[in-house]
mmCIF file of all heavy atoms, coordinates in Angstrom:
data_MODEL
# 
_entry.id   MODEL 
# 
loop_
_atom_site.group_PDB 
_atom_site.id 
_atom_site.type_symbol 
_atom_site.label_atom_id 
_atom_site.label_alt_id 
_atom_site.label_comp_id 
_atom_site.label_asym_id 
_atom_site.label_entity_id 
_atom_site.label_seq_id 
_atom_site.pdbx_PDB_ins_code 
_atom_site.Cartn_x 
_atom_site.Cartn_y 
_atom_site.Cartn_z 
_atom_site.occupancy 
_atom_site.B_iso_or_equiv 
_atom_site.pdbx_formal_charge 
_atom_site.auth_seq_id 
_atom_site.auth_comp_id 
_atom_site.auth_asym_id 
_atom_site.auth_atom_id 
_atom_site.pdbx_PDB_model_num 
ATOM 1   N N   . HIS A 1 1  ? 31.199 -21.695 -12.166 1.00 0.00 ? 1  HIS A N   1 
ATOM 2   C CA  . HIS A 1 1  ? 30.388 -20.645 -12.792 1.00 0.00 ? 1  HIS A CA  1 
ATOM 3   C C   . HIS A 1 1  ? 30.648 -19.335 -12.073 1.00 0.00 ? 1  HIS A C   1 
ATOM 4   O O   . HIS A 1 1  ? 30.407 -19.214 -10.866 1.00 0.00 ? 1  HIS A O   1 
ATOM 5   C CB  . HIS A 1 1  ? 28.917 -21.034 -12.764 1.00 0.00 ? 1  HIS A CB  1 
ATOM 6   C CG  . HIS A 1 1  ? 28.661 -22.296 -13.524 1.00 0.00 ? 1  HIS A CG  1 
ATOM 7   N ND1 . HIS A 1 1  ? 28.765 -22.353 -14.899 1.00 0.00 ? 1  HIS A ND1 1 
ATOM 8   C CD2 . HIS A 1 1  ? 28.383 -23.547 -13.106 1.00 0.00 ? 1  HIS A CD2 1 
ATOM 9   C CE1 . HIS A 1 1  ? 28.523 -23.599 -15.302 1.00 0.00 ? 1  HIS A CE1 1 
ATOM 10  N NE2 . HIS A 1 1  ? 28.297 -24.337 -14.220 1.00 0.00 ? 1  HIS A NE2 1 
ATOM 11  N N   . THR A 1 2  ? 31.208 -18.392 -12.831 1.00 0.00 ? 2  THR A N   1 
ATOM 12  C CA  . THR A 1 2  ? 31.595 -17.084 -12.309 1.00 0.00 ? 2  THR A CA  1 
ATOM 13  C C   . THR A 1 2  ? 30.986 -16.000 -13.198 1.00 0.00 ? 2  THR A C   1 
ATOM 14  O O   . THR A 1 2  ? 30.527 -16.301 -14.307 1.00 0.00 ? 2  THR A O   1 
ATOM 15  C CB  . THR A 1 2  ? 33.132 -16.931 -12.311 1.00 0.00 ? 2  THR A CB  1 
ATOM 16  O OG1 . THR A 1 2  ? 33.585 -16.769 -13.663 1.00 0.00 ? 2  THR A OG1 1 
ATOM 17  C CG2 . THR A 1 2  ? 33.831 -18.125 -11.676 1.00 0.00 ? 2  THR A CG2 1 
ATOM 18  N N   . PRO A 1 3  ? 31.032 -14.743 -12.758 1.00 0.00 ? 3  PRO A N   1 
ATOM 19  C CA  . PRO A 1 3  ? 30.553 -13.659 -13.625 1.00 0.00 ? 3  PRO A CA  1 
ATOM 20  C C   . PRO A 1 3  ? 31.582 -13.232 -14.671 1.00 0.00 ? 3  PRO A C   1 
ATOM 21  O O   . PRO A 1 3  ? 31.324 -12.327 -15.455 1.00 0.00 ? 3  PRO A O   1 
ATOM 22  C CB  . PRO A 1 3  ? 30.274 -12.525 -12.635 1.00 0.00 ? 3  PRO A CB  1 
ATOM 23  C CG  . PRO A 1 3  ? 31.159 -12.783 -11.488 1.00 0.00 ? 3  PRO A CG  1 
ATOM 24  C CD  . PRO A 1 3  ? 31.320 -14.281 -11.411 1.00 0.00 ? 3  PRO A CD  1 
ATOM 25  N N   . PHE A 1 4  ? 32.735 -13.894 -14.728 1.00 0.00 ? 4  PHE A N   1 
ATOM 26  C CA  . PHE A 1 4  ? 33.831 -13.484 -15.606 1.00 0.00 ? 4  PHE A CA  1 
ATOM 27  C C   . PHE A 1 4  ? 33.766 -14.258 -16.928 1.00 0.00 ? 4  PHE A C   1 
ATOM 28  O O   . PHE A 1 4  ? 33.973 -15.461 -16.958 1.00 0.00 ? 4  PHE A O   1 
ATOM 29  C CB  . PHE A 1 4  ? 35.172 -13.695 -14.912 1.00 0.00 ? 4  PHE A CB  1 
ATOM 30  C CG  . PHE A 1 4  ? 35.178 -13.192 -13.490 1.00 0.00 ? 4  PHE A CG  1 
ATOM 31  C CD1 . PHE A 1 4  ? 35.423 -14.061 -12.436 1.00 0.00 ? 4  PHE A CD1 1 
ATOM 32  C CD2 . PHE A 1 4  ? 34.912 -11.862 -13.209 1.00 0.00 ? 4  PHE A CD2 1 
ATOM 33  C CE1 . PHE A 1 4  ? 35.417 -13.602 -11.130 1.00 0.00 ? 4  PHE A CE1 1 
ATOM 34  C CE2 . PHE A 1 4  ? 34.896 -11.394 -11.901 1.00 0.00 ? 4  PHE A CE2 1 
ATOM 35  C CZ  . PHE A 1 4  ? 35.149 -12.273 -10.854 1.00 0.00 ? 4  PHE A CZ  1 
ATOM 36  N N   . ARG A 1 5  ? 33.487 -13.560 -18.012 1.00 0.00 ? 5  ARG A N   1 
ATOM 37  C CA  . ARG A 1 5  ? 33.301 -14.204 -19.325 1.00 0.00 ? 5  ARG A CA  1 
ATOM 38  C C   . ARG A 1 5  ? 34.599 -14.413 -20.085 1.00 0.00 ? 5  ARG A C   1 
ATOM 39  O O   . ARG A 1 5  ? 34.704 -15.307 -20.912 1.00 0.00 ? 5  ARG A O   1 
ATOM 40  C CB  . ARG A 1 5  ? 32.329 -13.388 -20.184 1.00 0.00 ? 5  ARG A CB  1 
ATOM 41  C CG  . ARG A 1 5  ? 30.956 -13.201 -19.562 1.00 0.00 ? 5  ARG A CG  1 
ATOM 42  C CD  . ARG A 1 5  ? 30.247 -14.540 -19.421 1.00 0.00 ? 5  ARG A CD  1 
ATOM 43  N NE  . ARG A 1 5  ? 28.977 -14.390 -18.712 1.00 0.00 ? 5  ARG A NE  1 
ATOM 44  C CZ  . ARG A 1 5  ? 28.664 -15.017 -17.593 1.00 0.00 ? 5  ARG A CZ  1 
ATOM 45  N NH1 . ARG A 1 5  ? 29.502 -15.849 -17.039 1.00 0.00 ? 5  ARG A NH1 1 
ATOM 46  N NH2 . ARG A 1 5  ? 27.503 -14.828 -17.009 1.00 0.00 ? 5  ARG A NH2 1 
ATOM 47  N N   . THR A 1 6  ? 35.592 -13.546 -19.841 1.00 0.00 ? 6  THR A N   1 
ATOM 48  C CA  . THR A 1 6  ? 36.877 -13.652 -20.534 1.00 0.00 ? 6  THR A CA  1 
ATOM 49  C C   . THR A 1 6  ? 37.997 -13.547 -19.510 1.00 0.00 ? 6  THR A C   1 
ATOM 50  O O   . THR A 1 6  ? 37.784 -13.071 -18.376 1.00 0.00 ? 6  THR A O   1 
ATOM 51  C CB  . THR A 1 6  ? 37.069 -12.529 -21.571 1.00 0.00 ? 6  THR A CB  1 
ATOM 52  O OG1 . THR A 1 6  ? 37.206 -11.280 -20.881 1.00 0.00 ? 6  THR A OG1 1 
ATOM 53  C CG2 . THR A 1 6  ? 35.904 -12.468 -22.551 1.00 0.00 ? 6  THR A CG2 1 
ATOM 54  N N   . LEU A 1 7  ? 39.206 -13.928 -19.889 1.00 0.00 ? 7  LEU A N   1 
ATOM 55  C CA  . LEU A 1 7  ? 40.357 -13.818 -19.008 1.00 0.00 ? 7  LEU A CA  1 
ATOM 56  C C   . LEU A 1 7  ? 40.585 -12.358 -18.604 1.00 0.00 ? 7  LEU A C   1 
ATOM 57  O O   . LEU A 1 7  ? 40.940 -12.073 -17.455 1.00 0.00 ? 7  LEU A O   1 
ATOM 58  C CB  . LEU A 1 7  ? 41.604 -14.397 -19.690 1.00 0.00 ? 7  LEU A CB  1 
ATOM 59  C CG  . LEU A 1 7  ? 42.845 -14.576 -18.828 1.00 0.00 ? 7  LEU A CG  1 
ATOM 60  C CD1 . LEU A 1 7  ? 42.572 -15.430 -17.612 1.00 0.00 ? 7  LEU A CD1 1 
ATOM 61  C CD2 . LEU A 1 7  ? 43.967 -15.171 -19.650 1.00 0.00 ? 7  LEU A CD2 1 
ATOM 62  N N   . ALA A 1 8  ? 40.345 -11.442 -19.523 1.00 0.00 ? 8  ALA A N   1 
ATOM 63  C CA  . ALA A 1 8  ? 40.516 -10.020 -19.214 1.00 0.00 ? 8  ALA A CA  1 
ATOM 64  C C   . ALA A 1 8  ? 39.527 -9.549  -18.147 1.00 0.00 ? 8  ALA A C   1 
ATOM 65  O O   . ALA A 1 8  ? 39.803 -8.597  -17.417 1.00 0.00 ? 8  ALA A O   1 
ATOM 66  C CB  . ALA A 1 8  ? 40.358 -9.186  -20.489 1.00 0.00 ? 8  ALA A CB  1 
ATOM 67  N N   . ASP A 1 9  ? 38.370 -10.203 -18.037 1.00 0.00 ? 9  ASP A N   1 
ATOM 68  C CA  . ASP A 1 9  ? 37.376 -9.848  -17.017 1.00 0.00 ? 9  ASP A CA  1 
ATOM 69  C C   . ASP A 1 9  ? 37.756 -10.328 -15.621 1.00 0.00 ? 9  ASP A C   1 
ATOM 70  O O   . ASP A 1 9  ? 37.256 -9.812  -14.621 1.00 0.00 ? 9  ASP A O   1 
ATOM 71  C CB  . ASP A 1 9  ? 36.006 -10.467 -17.351 1.00 0.00 ? 9  ASP A CB  1 
ATOM 72  C CG  . ASP A 1 9  ? 35.394 -9.921  -18.616 1.00 0.00 ? 9  ASP A CG  1 
ATOM 73  O OD1 . ASP A 1 9  ? 35.731 -8.790  -19.017 1.00 0.00 ? 9  ASP A OD1 1 
ATOM 74  O OD2 . ASP A 1 9  ? 34.565 -10.651 -19.210 1.00 0.00 ? 9  ASP A OD2 1 
ATOM 75  N N   . CYS A 1 10 ? 38.620 -11.336 -15.545 1.00 0.00 ? 10 CYS A N   1 
ATOM 76  C CA  . CYS A 1 10 ? 38.967 -11.948 -14.257 1.00 0.00 ? 10 CYS A CA  1 
ATOM 77  C C   . CYS A 1 10 ? 39.834 -11.015 -13.423 1.00 0.00 ? 10 CYS A C   1 
ATOM 78  O O   . CYS A 1 10 ? 40.734 -10.358 -13.952 1.00 0.00 ? 10 CYS A O   1 
ATOM 79  C CB  . CYS A 1 10 ? 39.740 -13.250 -14.476 1.00 0.00 ? 10 CYS A CB  1 
ATOM 80  S SG  . CYS A 1 10 ? 38.778 -14.547 -15.249 1.00 0.00 ? 10 CYS A SG  1 
ATOM 81  N N   . PRO A 1 11 ? 39.588 -10.983 -12.111 1.00 0.00 ? 11 PRO A N   1 
ATOM 82  C CA  . PRO A 1 11 ? 40.508 -10.237 -11.245 1.00 0.00 ? 11 PRO A CA  1 
ATOM 83  C C   . PRO A 1 11 ? 41.852 -10.954 -11.185 1.00 0.00 ? 11 PRO A C   1 
ATOM 84  O O   . PRO A 1 11 ? 41.948 -12.140 -11.489 1.00 0.00 ? 11 PRO A O   1 
ATOM 85  C CB  . PRO A 1 11 ? 39.808 -10.274 -9.887  1.00 0.00 ? 11 PRO A CB  1 
ATOM 86  C CG  . PRO A 1 11 ? 38.932 -11.467 -9.939  1.00 0.00 ? 11 PRO A CG  1 
ATOM 87  C CD  . PRO A 1 11 ? 38.525 -11.653 -11.362 1.00 0.00 ? 11 PRO A CD  1 
ATOM 88  N N   . ARG A 1 12 ? 42.905 -10.226 -10.810 1.00 0.00 ? 12 ARG A N   1 
ATOM 89  C CA  . ARG A 1 12 ? 44.233 -10.834 -10.713 1.00 0.00 ? 12 ARG A CA  1 
ATOM 90  C C   . ARG A 1 12 ? 44.258 -11.907 -9.643  1.00 0.00 ? 12 ARG A C   1 
ATOM 91  O O   . ARG A 1 12 ? 45.017 -12.865 -9.726  1.00 0.00 ? 12 ARG A O   1 
ATOM 92  C CB  . ARG A 1 12 ? 45.275 -9.752  -10.438 1.00 0.00 ? 12 ARG A CB  1 
ATOM 93  C CG  . ARG A 1 12 ? 46.540 -9.999  -11.194 1.00 0.00 ? 12 ARG A CG  1 
ATOM 94  C CD  . ARG A 1 12 ? 47.546 -8.880  -11.156 1.00 0.00 ? 12 ARG A CD  1 
ATOM 95  N NE  . ARG A 1 12 ? 47.865 -8.428  -9.832  1.00 0.00 ? 12 ARG A NE  1 
ATOM 96  C CZ  . ARG A 1 12 ? 47.763 -7.163  -9.446  1.00 0.00 ? 12 ARG A CZ  1 
ATOM 97  N NH1 . ARG A 1 12 ? 47.366 -6.237  -10.272 1.00 0.00 ? 12 ARG A NH1 1 
ATOM 98  N NH2 . ARG A 1 12 ? 48.084 -6.818  -8.216  1.00 0.00 ? 12 ARG A NH2 1 
ATOM 99  N N   . ASN A 1 13 ? 43.471 -11.757 -8.607  1.00 0.00 ? 13 ASN A N   1 
ATOM 100 C CA  . ASN A 1 13 ? 43.266 -12.829 -7.640  1.00 0.00 ? 13 ASN A CA  1 
ATOM 101 C C   . ASN A 1 13 ? 41.865 -12.673 -7.071  1.00 0.00 ? 13 ASN A C   1 
ATOM 102 O O   . ASN A 1 13 ? 41.266 -11.598 -7.133  1.00 0.00 ? 13 ASN A O   1 
ATOM 103 C CB  . ASN A 1 13 ? 44.360 -12.866 -6.552  1.00 0.00 ? 13 ASN A CB  1 
ATOM 104 C CG  . ASN A 1 13 ? 44.272 -11.732 -5.568  1.00 0.00 ? 13 ASN A CG  1 
ATOM 105 O OD1 . ASN A 1 13 ? 43.246 -11.545 -4.914  1.00 0.00 ? 13 ASN A OD1 1 
ATOM 106 N ND2 . ASN A 1 13 ? 45.342 -10.962 -5.447  1.00 0.00 ? 13 ASN A ND2 1 
ATOM 107 N N   . GLY A 1 14 ? 41.337 -13.747 -6.538  1.00 0.00 ? 14 GLY A N   1 
ATOM 108 C CA  . GLY A 1 14 ? 39.947 -13.767 -6.100  1.00 0.00 ? 14 GLY A CA  1 
ATOM 109 C C   . GLY A 1 14 ? 39.646 -12.880 -4.912  1.00 0.00 ? 14 GLY A C   1 
ATOM 110 O O   . GLY A 1 14 ? 38.488 -12.612 -4.612  1.00 0.00 ? 14 GLY A O   1 
ATOM 111 N N   . ARG A 1 15 ? 40.661 -12.383 -4.226  1.00 0.00 ? 15 ARG A N   1 
ATOM 112 C CA  . ARG A 1 15 ? 40.438 -11.520 -3.072  1.00 0.00 ? 15 ARG A CA  1 
ATOM 113 C C   . ARG A 1 15 ? 40.272 -10.057 -3.459  1.00 0.00 ? 15 ARG A C   1 
ATOM 114 O O   . ARG A 1 15 ? 39.921 -9.230  -2.636  1.00 0.00 ? 15 ARG A O   1 
ATOM 115 C CB  . ARG A 1 15 ? 41.602 -11.632 -2.086  1.00 0.00 ? 15 ARG A CB  1 
ATOM 116 C CG  . ARG A 1 15 ? 41.761 -13.015 -1.499  1.00 0.00 ? 15 ARG A CG  1 
ATOM 117 C CD  . ARG A 1 15 ? 40.690 -13.252 -0.444  1.00 0.00 ? 15 ARG A CD  1 
ATOM 118 N NE  . ARG A 1 15 ? 40.987 -14.406 0.368   1.00 0.00 ? 15 ARG A NE  1 
ATOM 119 C CZ  . ARG A 1 15 ? 40.271 -15.520 0.333   1.00 0.00 ? 15 ARG A CZ  1 
ATOM 120 N NH1 . ARG A 1 15 ? 39.266 -15.634 -0.475  1.00 0.00 ? 15 ARG A NH1 1 
ATOM 121 N NH2 . ARG A 1 15 ? 40.571 -16.526 1.110   1.00 0.00 ? 15 ARG A NH2 1 
ATOM 122 N N   . GLN A 1 16 ? 40.520 -9.704  -4.713  1.00 0.00 ? 16 GLN A N   1 
ATOM 123 C CA  . GLN A 1 16 ? 40.470 -8.301  -5.111  1.00 0.00 ? 16 GLN A CA  1 
ATOM 124 C C   . GLN A 1 16 ? 39.068 -7.716  -5.203  1.00 0.00 ? 16 GLN A C   1 
ATOM 125 O O   . GLN A 1 16 ? 38.865 -6.622  -4.710  1.00 0.00 ? 16 GLN A O   1 
ATOM 126 C CB  . GLN A 1 16 ? 41.218 -8.094  -6.422  1.00 0.00 ? 16 GLN A CB  1 
ATOM 127 C CG  . GLN A 1 16 ? 42.713 -8.155  -6.196  1.00 0.00 ? 16 GLN A CG  1 
ATOM 128 C CD  . GLN A 1 16 ? 43.489 -7.898  -7.455  1.00 0.00 ? 16 GLN A CD  1 
ATOM 129 O OE1 . GLN A 1 16 ? 43.071 -8.273  -8.537  1.00 0.00 ? 16 GLN A OE1 1 
ATOM 130 N NE2 . GLN A 1 16 ? 44.622 -7.280  -7.309  1.00 0.00 ? 16 GLN A NE2 1 
ATOM 131 N N   . PRO A 1 17 ? 38.111 -8.356  -5.831  1.00 0.00 ? 17 PRO A N   1 
ATOM 132 C CA  . PRO A 1 17 ? 36.795 -7.711  -5.880  1.00 0.00 ? 17 PRO A CA  1 
ATOM 133 C C   . PRO A 1 17 ? 36.201 -7.624  -4.475  1.00 0.00 ? 17 PRO A C   1 
ATOM 134 O O   . PRO A 1 17 ? 36.246 -8.589  -3.718  1.00 0.00 ? 17 PRO A O   1 
ATOM 135 C CB  . PRO A 1 17 ? 35.948 -8.640  -6.742  1.00 0.00 ? 17 PRO A CB  1 
ATOM 136 C CG  . PRO A 1 17 ? 36.884 -9.590  -7.382  1.00 0.00 ? 17 PRO A CG  1 
ATOM 137 C CD  . PRO A 1 17 ? 38.125 -9.621  -6.541  1.00 0.00 ? 17 PRO A CD  1 
ATOM 138 N N   . ASP A 1 18 ? 35.701 -6.461  -4.127  1.00 0.00 ? 18 ASP A N   1 
ATOM 139 C CA  . ASP A 1 18 ? 35.108 -6.290  -2.804  1.00 0.00 ? 18 ASP A CA  1 
ATOM 140 C C   . ASP A 1 18 ? 33.787 -5.562  -2.960  1.00 0.00 ? 18 ASP A C   1 
ATOM 141 O O   . ASP A 1 18 ? 33.781 -4.405  -3.361  1.00 0.00 ? 18 ASP A O   1 
ATOM 142 C CB  . ASP A 1 18 ? 36.055 -5.498  -1.915  1.00 0.00 ? 18 ASP A CB  1 
ATOM 143 C CG  . ASP A 1 18 ? 35.609 -5.451  -0.468  1.00 0.00 ? 18 ASP A CG  1 
ATOM 144 O OD1 . ASP A 1 18 ? 34.720 -6.242  -0.095  1.00 0.00 ? 18 ASP A OD1 1 
ATOM 145 O OD2 . ASP A 1 18 ? 36.145 -4.616  0.282   1.00 0.00 ? 18 ASP A OD2 1 
ATOM 146 N N   . PRO A 1 19 ? 32.679 -6.223  -2.722  1.00 0.00 ? 19 PRO A N   1 
ATOM 147 C CA  . PRO A 1 19 ? 32.591 -7.578  -2.201  1.00 0.00 ? 19 PRO A CA  1 
ATOM 148 C C   . PRO A 1 19 ? 32.839 -8.622  -3.291  1.00 0.00 ? 19 PRO A C   1 
ATOM 149 O O   . PRO A 1 19 ? 32.679 -8.340  -4.478  1.00 0.00 ? 19 PRO A O   1 
ATOM 150 C CB  . PRO A 1 19 ? 31.142 -7.669  -1.698  1.00 0.00 ? 19 PRO A CB  1 
ATOM 151 C CG  . PRO A 1 19 ? 30.391 -6.738  -2.586  1.00 0.00 ? 19 PRO A CG  1 
ATOM 152 C CD  . PRO A 1 19 ? 31.353 -5.608  -2.898  1.00 0.00 ? 19 PRO A CD  1 
ATOM 153 N N   . ALA A 1 20 ? 33.244 -9.801  -2.858  1.00 0.00 ? 20 ALA A N   1 
ATOM 154 C CA  . ALA A 1 20 ? 33.501 -10.898 -3.793  1.00 0.00 ? 20 ALA A CA  1 
ATOM 155 C C   . ALA A 1 20 ? 32.182 -11.359 -4.398  1.00 0.00 ? 20 ALA A C   1 
ATOM 156 O O   . ALA A 1 20 ? 31.213 -11.578 -3.680  1.00 0.00 ? 20 ALA A O   1 
ATOM 157 C CB  . ALA A 1 20 ? 34.169 -12.053 -3.075  1.00 0.00 ? 20 ALA A CB  1 
ATOM 158 N N   . PRO A 1 21 ? 32.129 -11.491 -5.732  1.00 0.00 ? 21 PRO A N   1 
ATOM 159 C CA  . PRO A 1 21 ? 30.878 -11.933 -6.348  1.00 0.00 ? 21 PRO A CA  1 
ATOM 160 C C   . PRO A 1 21 ? 30.576 -13.393 -6.018  1.00 0.00 ? 21 PRO A C   1 
ATOM 161 O O   . PRO A 1 21 ? 31.500 -14.203 -5.885  1.00 0.00 ? 21 PRO A O   1 
ATOM 162 C CB  . PRO A 1 21 ? 31.127 -11.753 -7.845  1.00 0.00 ? 21 PRO A CB  1 
ATOM 163 C CG  . PRO A 1 21 ? 32.611 -11.788 -8.001  1.00 0.00 ? 21 PRO A CG  1 
ATOM 164 C CD  . PRO A 1 21 ? 33.183 -11.261 -6.720  1.00 0.00 ? 21 PRO A CD  1 
ATOM 165 N N   . PRO A 1 22 ? 29.302 -13.720 -5.874  1.00 0.00 ? 22 PRO A N   1 
ATOM 166 C CA  . PRO A 1 22 ? 28.947 -15.123 -5.639  1.00 0.00 ? 22 PRO A CA  1 
ATOM 167 C C   . PRO A 1 22 ? 29.206 -15.955 -6.886  1.00 0.00 ? 22 PRO A C   1 
ATOM 168 O O   . PRO A 1 22 ? 29.002 -15.501 -8.003  1.00 0.00 ? 22 PRO A O   1 
ATOM 169 C CB  . PRO A 1 22 ? 27.460 -15.062 -5.306  1.00 0.00 ? 22 PRO A CB  1 
ATOM 170 C CG  . PRO A 1 22 ? 26.973 -13.795 -5.922  1.00 0.00 ? 22 PRO A CG  1 
ATOM 171 C CD  . PRO A 1 22 ? 28.137 -12.848 -5.936  1.00 0.00 ? 22 PRO A CD  1 
ATOM 172 N N   . CYS A 1 23 ? 29.683 -17.167 -6.675  1.00 0.00 ? 23 CYS A N   1 
ATOM 173 C CA  . CYS A 1 23 ? 29.983 -18.097 -7.763  1.00 0.00 ? 23 CYS A CA  1 
ATOM 174 C C   . CYS A 1 23 ? 29.397 -19.462 -7.386  1.00 0.00 ? 23 CYS A C   1 
ATOM 175 O O   . CYS A 1 23 ? 29.018 -19.687 -6.242  1.00 0.00 ? 23 CYS A O   1 
ATOM 176 C CB  . CYS A 1 23 ? 31.484 -18.213 -7.970  1.00 0.00 ? 23 CYS A CB  1 
ATOM 177 S SG  . CYS A 1 23 ? 32.311 -16.653 -8.381  1.00 0.00 ? 23 CYS A SG  1 
ATOM 178 N N   . ILE A 1 24 ? 29.360 -20.355 -8.359  1.00 0.00 ? 24 ILE A N   1 
ATOM 179 C CA  . ILE A 1 24 ? 28.858 -21.711 -8.136  1.00 0.00 ? 24 ILE A CA  1 
ATOM 180 C C   . ILE A 1 24 ? 29.903 -22.715 -8.614  1.00 0.00 ? 24 ILE A C   1 
ATOM 181 O O   . ILE A 1 24 ? 30.438 -22.599 -9.716  1.00 0.00 ? 24 ILE A O   1 
ATOM 182 C CB  . ILE A 1 24 ? 27.533 -21.968 -8.904  1.00 0.00 ? 24 ILE A CB  1 
ATOM 183 C CG1 . ILE A 1 24 ? 26.421 -21.068 -8.391  1.00 0.00 ? 24 ILE A CG1 1 
ATOM 184 C CG2 . ILE A 1 24 ? 27.137 -23.448 -8.861  1.00 0.00 ? 24 ILE A CG2 1 
ATOM 185 C CD1 . ILE A 1 24 ? 25.887 -21.434 -7.009  1.00 0.00 ? 24 ILE A CD1 1 
ATOM 186 N N   . ALA A 1 25 ? 30.194 -23.683 -7.756  1.00 0.00 ? 25 ALA A N   1 
ATOM 187 C CA  . ALA A 1 25 ? 30.980 -24.857 -8.156  1.00 0.00 ? 25 ALA A CA  1 
ATOM 188 C C   . ALA A 1 25 ? 29.962 -25.965 -8.383  1.00 0.00 ? 25 ALA A C   1 
ATOM 189 O O   . ALA A 1 25 ? 29.352 -26.456 -7.434  1.00 0.00 ? 25 ALA A O   1 
ATOM 190 C CB  . ALA A 1 25 ? 31.981 -25.233 -7.079  1.00 0.00 ? 25 ALA A CB  1 
ATOM 191 N N   . ALA A 1 26 ? 29.728 -26.300 -9.649  1.00 0.00 ? 26 ALA A N   1 
ATOM 192 C CA  . ALA A 1 26 ? 28.728 -27.316 -10.010 1.00 0.00 ? 26 ALA A CA  1 
ATOM 193 C C   . ALA A 1 26 ? 29.435 -28.655 -10.193 1.00 0.00 ? 26 ALA A C   1 
ATOM 194 O O   . ALA A 1 26 ? 30.268 -28.814 -11.081 1.00 0.00 ? 26 ALA A O   1 
ATOM 195 C CB  . ALA A 1 26 ? 28.002 -26.907 -11.282 1.00 0.00 ? 26 ALA A CB  1 
ATOM 196 N N   . VAL A 1 27 ? 29.098 -29.599 -9.342  1.00 0.00 ? 27 VAL A N   1 
ATOM 197 C CA  . VAL A 1 27 ? 29.713 -30.930 -9.369  1.00 0.00 ? 27 VAL A CA  1 
ATOM 198 C C   . VAL A 1 27 ? 28.831 -31.859 -10.193 1.00 0.00 ? 27 VAL A C   1 
ATOM 199 O O   . VAL A 1 27 ? 27.607 -31.898 -10.013 1.00 0.00 ? 27 VAL A O   1 
ATOM 200 C CB  . VAL A 1 27 ? 29.904 -31.460 -7.929  1.00 0.00 ? 27 VAL A CB  1 
ATOM 201 C CG1 . VAL A 1 27 ? 30.450 -32.867 -7.933  1.00 0.00 ? 27 VAL A CG1 1 
ATOM 202 C CG2 . VAL A 1 27 ? 30.806 -30.515 -7.141  1.00 0.00 ? 27 VAL A CG2 1 
ATOM 203 N N   . ASP A 1 28 ? 29.438 -32.582 -11.118 1.00 0.00 ? 28 ASP A N   1 
ATOM 204 C CA  . ASP A 1 28 ? 28.698 -33.520 -11.956 1.00 0.00 ? 28 ASP A CA  1 
ATOM 205 C C   . ASP A 1 28 ? 28.038 -34.603 -11.095 1.00 0.00 ? 28 ASP A C   1 
ATOM 206 O O   . ASP A 1 28 ? 28.601 -35.024 -10.075 1.00 0.00 ? 28 ASP A O   1 
ATOM 207 C CB  . ASP A 1 28 ? 29.635 -34.177 -12.976 1.00 0.00 ? 28 ASP A CB  1 
ATOM 208 C CG  . ASP A 1 28 ? 30.176 -33.189 -14.006 1.00 0.00 ? 28 ASP A CG  1 
ATOM 209 O OD1 . ASP A 1 28 ? 29.607 -32.091 -14.166 1.00 0.00 ? 28 ASP A OD1 1 
ATOM 210 O OD2 . ASP A 1 28 ? 31.185 -33.539 -14.656 1.00 0.00 ? 28 ASP A OD2 1 
# 
């Protein structure tokens, strides 16, 4: 779960947004 709704919203790599937005890895 990320704040990026579309591929166009995604940064080219996860290190680019500063500060990096918080995300959740939800495990079943």
